[in-house]
C-alpha cells in the first residue's frame, strides 16, 4: 500500500482510479450453475436477460466516475483497460457515437446496454466475451459481485 500525505494548493487535480487486479475479498461460495446473459425473444432476435441488464447497470454506475449518467471516452477507457487491456481510440469512439445512444458526445446507459447486445450479436449469442468482461470486474457465473 502506498500513501501520500500533504497539502495541495488551489487548482485542478485529477484522481485516477487504479486497480492491480488483486482480489481483496475471497470468493463467497462455489456455484454450480451459470446465469444466462442473453436469450432469443419471440422474433428470434437476441436480447439481454433482466439479470444481465441489472449487472450492466451496476457496472455503468461504477465506471461513470463523474456521476453525470453518461460515459465519456476517458471513463469508457478505464472500463476497456480493466476488461480487455486496450483503449478505445478516437475512430472507434466515433463509431460508438454514430451507432449507439449518446448525449453530449458521451455514451448513455442505453447505449452501453446496446453496445453489449451488439457484442453478443457479433458472436451469434455466444456469451464468452461477455463473461470475460464480467469476470474481470469481479462477478461470478451467478452474476454476483464476489471480488473487487
Protein backbone atom coordinates (compact mmCIF):
# COMPACT_ATOMS: atom_id res chain seq x y z
CA UNK A 1 0.00 0.00 0.00
CA UNK A 2 1.24 3.47 -0.83
CA UNK A 3 0.08 6.66 0.77
CA UNK A 4 0.74 10.34 0.38
CA UNK A 5 0.01 12.96 2.99
CA UNK A 6 0.36 16.66 2.42
CA UNK A 7 -1.39 19.84 1.39
CA UNK A 8 -2.38 20.80 -2.12
CA UNK A 9 -2.69 24.37 -3.25
CA UNK A 10 -5.68 25.61 -5.16
CA UNK A 11 -6.06 24.22 -8.65
CA UNK A 12 -7.48 21.31 -10.57
CA UNK A 13 -6.33 17.80 -9.79
CA UNK A 14 -7.09 14.50 -11.48
CA UNK A 15 -7.56 11.47 -9.30
CA UNK A 16 -7.03 8.39 -11.44
CA UNK A 17 -8.54 5.17 -10.08
CA UNK A 18 -6.26 2.21 -10.44
CA UNK A 19 -6.65 -1.45 -9.64
CA UNK A 20 -3.95 -4.06 -9.76
CA UNK A 21 -6.32 -6.91 -10.43
CA UNK A 22 -5.78 -8.18 -6.90
CA UNK A 23 -8.73 -9.78 -5.22
CA UNK A 24 -9.39 -8.13 -1.90
CA UNK A 25 -12.19 -10.47 -0.85
CA UNK A 26 -12.33 -14.21 -1.04
CA UNK A 27 -14.92 -15.70 -3.31
CA UNK A 28 -18.08 -16.28 -1.29
CA UNK A 29 -19.05 -19.74 -2.43
CA UNK A 30 -18.77 -22.17 -5.27
CA UNK A 31 -21.64 -22.00 -7.68
CA UNK A 32 -22.93 -24.86 -9.75
CA UNK A 33 -24.97 -23.07 -12.42
CA UNK A 34 -24.27 -20.30 -14.84
CA UNK A 35 -26.61 -17.35 -15.27
CA UNK A 36 -27.97 -16.69 -18.74
CA UNK A 37 -26.86 -13.43 -20.25
CA UNK A 38 -28.83 -13.44 -23.49
CA UNK A 39 -31.91 -15.16 -24.91
CA UNK A 40 -33.85 -15.19 -28.15
CA UNK A 41 -37.12 -13.27 -28.00
CA UNK A 42 -40.32 -14.23 -29.82
CA UNK A 43 -38.99 -12.59 -33.00
CA UNK A 44 -35.84 -14.74 -32.83
CA UNK A 45 -33.62 -11.76 -32.03
CA UNK A 46 -31.10 -11.75 -29.21
CA UNK A 47 -31.98 -9.82 -26.07
CA UNK A 48 -30.20 -9.25 -22.77
CA UNK A 49 -31.65 -11.02 -19.73
CA UNK A 50 -33.06 -8.97 -16.87
CA UNK A 51 -30.26 -10.18 -14.57
CA UNK A 52 -27.54 -9.25 -17.06
CA UNK A 53 -29.09 -5.80 -17.58
CA UNK A 54 -29.00 -5.27 -13.81
CA UNK A 55 -25.30 -6.23 -13.70
CA UNK A 56 -24.55 -3.92 -16.65
CA UNK A 57 -26.39 -1.11 -14.91
CA UNK A 58 -24.22 -1.61 -11.81
CA UNK A 59 -21.11 -1.65 -14.00
CA UNK A 60 -22.26 1.56 -15.70
CA UNK A 61 -22.60 3.21 -12.27
CA UNK A 62 -19.07 2.06 -11.34
CA UNK A 63 -17.44 3.46 -14.45
CA UNK A 64 -19.43 6.71 -14.56
CA UNK A 65 -16.79 8.45 -12.47
CA UNK A 66 -18.27 11.95 -12.62
CA UNK A 67 -21.79 10.68 -11.87
CA UNK A 68 -23.45 12.53 -14.75
CA UNK A 69 -25.24 9.44 -16.10
CA UNK A 70 -23.07 9.38 -19.24
CA UNK A 71 -19.77 7.76 -20.18
CA UNK A 72 -17.08 9.95 -21.66
CA UNK A 73 -14.26 8.47 -23.71
CA UNK A 74 -11.96 8.70 -20.68
CA UNK A 75 -14.43 6.86 -18.44
CA UNK A 76 -15.06 4.23 -21.09
CA UNK A 77 -11.30 3.75 -21.47
CA UNK A 78 -10.98 2.92 -17.75
CA UNK A 79 -13.54 0.18 -18.38
CA UNK A 80 -11.77 -1.04 -21.54
CA UNK A 81 -8.37 -1.12 -19.87
CA UNK A 82 -9.77 -3.15 -16.97
CA UNK A 83 -11.65 -5.66 -19.14
CA UNK A 84 -9.53 -6.01 -22.28
CA UNK A 85 -6.26 -4.25 -21.56
CA UNK A 86 -6.77 -1.96 -24.56
CA UNK A 87 -8.02 1.56 -25.07
CA UNK A 88 -10.76 2.78 -27.38
CA UNK A 89 -9.24 5.15 -29.92
CA UNK A 90 -10.96 8.24 -31.34
CA UNK A 91 -12.08 6.42 -34.51
CA UNK A 92 -13.71 3.58 -32.57
CA UNK A 93 -15.33 6.11 -30.24
CA UNK A 94 -16.75 7.96 -33.27
CA UNK A 95 -18.28 4.67 -34.47
CA UNK A 96 -19.79 4.16 -30.98
CA UNK A 97 -21.29 7.65 -31.07
CA UNK A 98 -22.77 7.01 -34.53
CA UNK A 99 -24.30 3.62 -33.70
CA UNK A 100 -25.33 3.91 -30.05
CA UNK A 101 -27.38 6.32 -27.99
CA UNK A 102 -25.26 9.30 -26.92
CA UNK A 103 -25.81 12.69 -25.35
CA UNK A 104 -23.21 15.49 -25.42
CA UNK A 105 -20.80 13.10 -27.24
CA UNK A 106 -21.00 10.67 -24.28
CA UNK A 107 -22.48 7.19 -24.18
CA UNK A 108 -25.81 6.83 -22.37
CA UNK A 109 -26.79 3.88 -20.19
CA UNK A 110 -28.97 2.56 -23.05
CA UNK A 111 -26.07 2.99 -25.45
CA UNK A 112 -23.88 0.96 -23.09
CA UNK A 113 -26.55 -1.79 -22.98
CA UNK A 114 -26.86 -1.77 -26.78
CA UNK A 115 -23.07 -1.98 -27.13
CA UNK A 116 -23.06 -5.17 -25.05
CA UNK A 117 -26.01 -6.56 -27.03
CA UNK A 118 -24.08 -5.88 -30.25
CA UNK A 119 -21.15 -7.83 -28.82
CA UNK A 120 -23.48 -10.78 -28.17
CA UNK A 121 -24.91 -10.50 -31.70
CA UNK A 122 -21.41 -10.44 -33.19
CA UNK A 123 -20.78 -13.84 -31.59
CA UNK A 124 -24.25 -15.14 -32.59
CA UNK A 125 -25.35 -15.45 -28.97
CA UNK A 126 -22.13 -16.93 -27.60
CA UNK A 127 -21.65 -15.10 -24.27
CA UNK A 128 -17.95 -15.96 -23.80
CA UNK A 129 -16.72 -12.39 -24.43
CA UNK A 130 -19.43 -11.03 -22.15
CA UNK A 131 -18.26 -13.41 -19.41
CA UNK A 132 -14.67 -12.19 -19.81
CA UNK A 133 -15.92 -8.67 -19.08
CA UNK A 134 -17.98 -9.74 -16.08
CA UNK A 135 -15.29 -11.96 -14.56
CA UNK A 136 -12.63 -9.25 -14.93
CA UNK A 137 -14.88 -6.87 -12.98
CA UNK A 138 -15.32 -9.29 -10.06
CA UNK A 139 -18.58 -11.02 -10.97
CA UNK A 140 -19.03 -14.77 -10.72
CA UNK A 141 -21.03 -17.03 -13.05
CA UNK A 142 -24.16 -16.42 -10.95
CA UNK A 143 -23.84 -12.65 -11.70
CA UNK A 144 -22.88 -11.89 -8.10
CA UNK A 145 -20.14 -9.40 -7.28
CA UNK A 146 -17.71 -11.59 -5.34
CA UNK A 147 -14.40 -9.74 -5.66
CA UNK A 148 -13.29 -6.16 -6.02
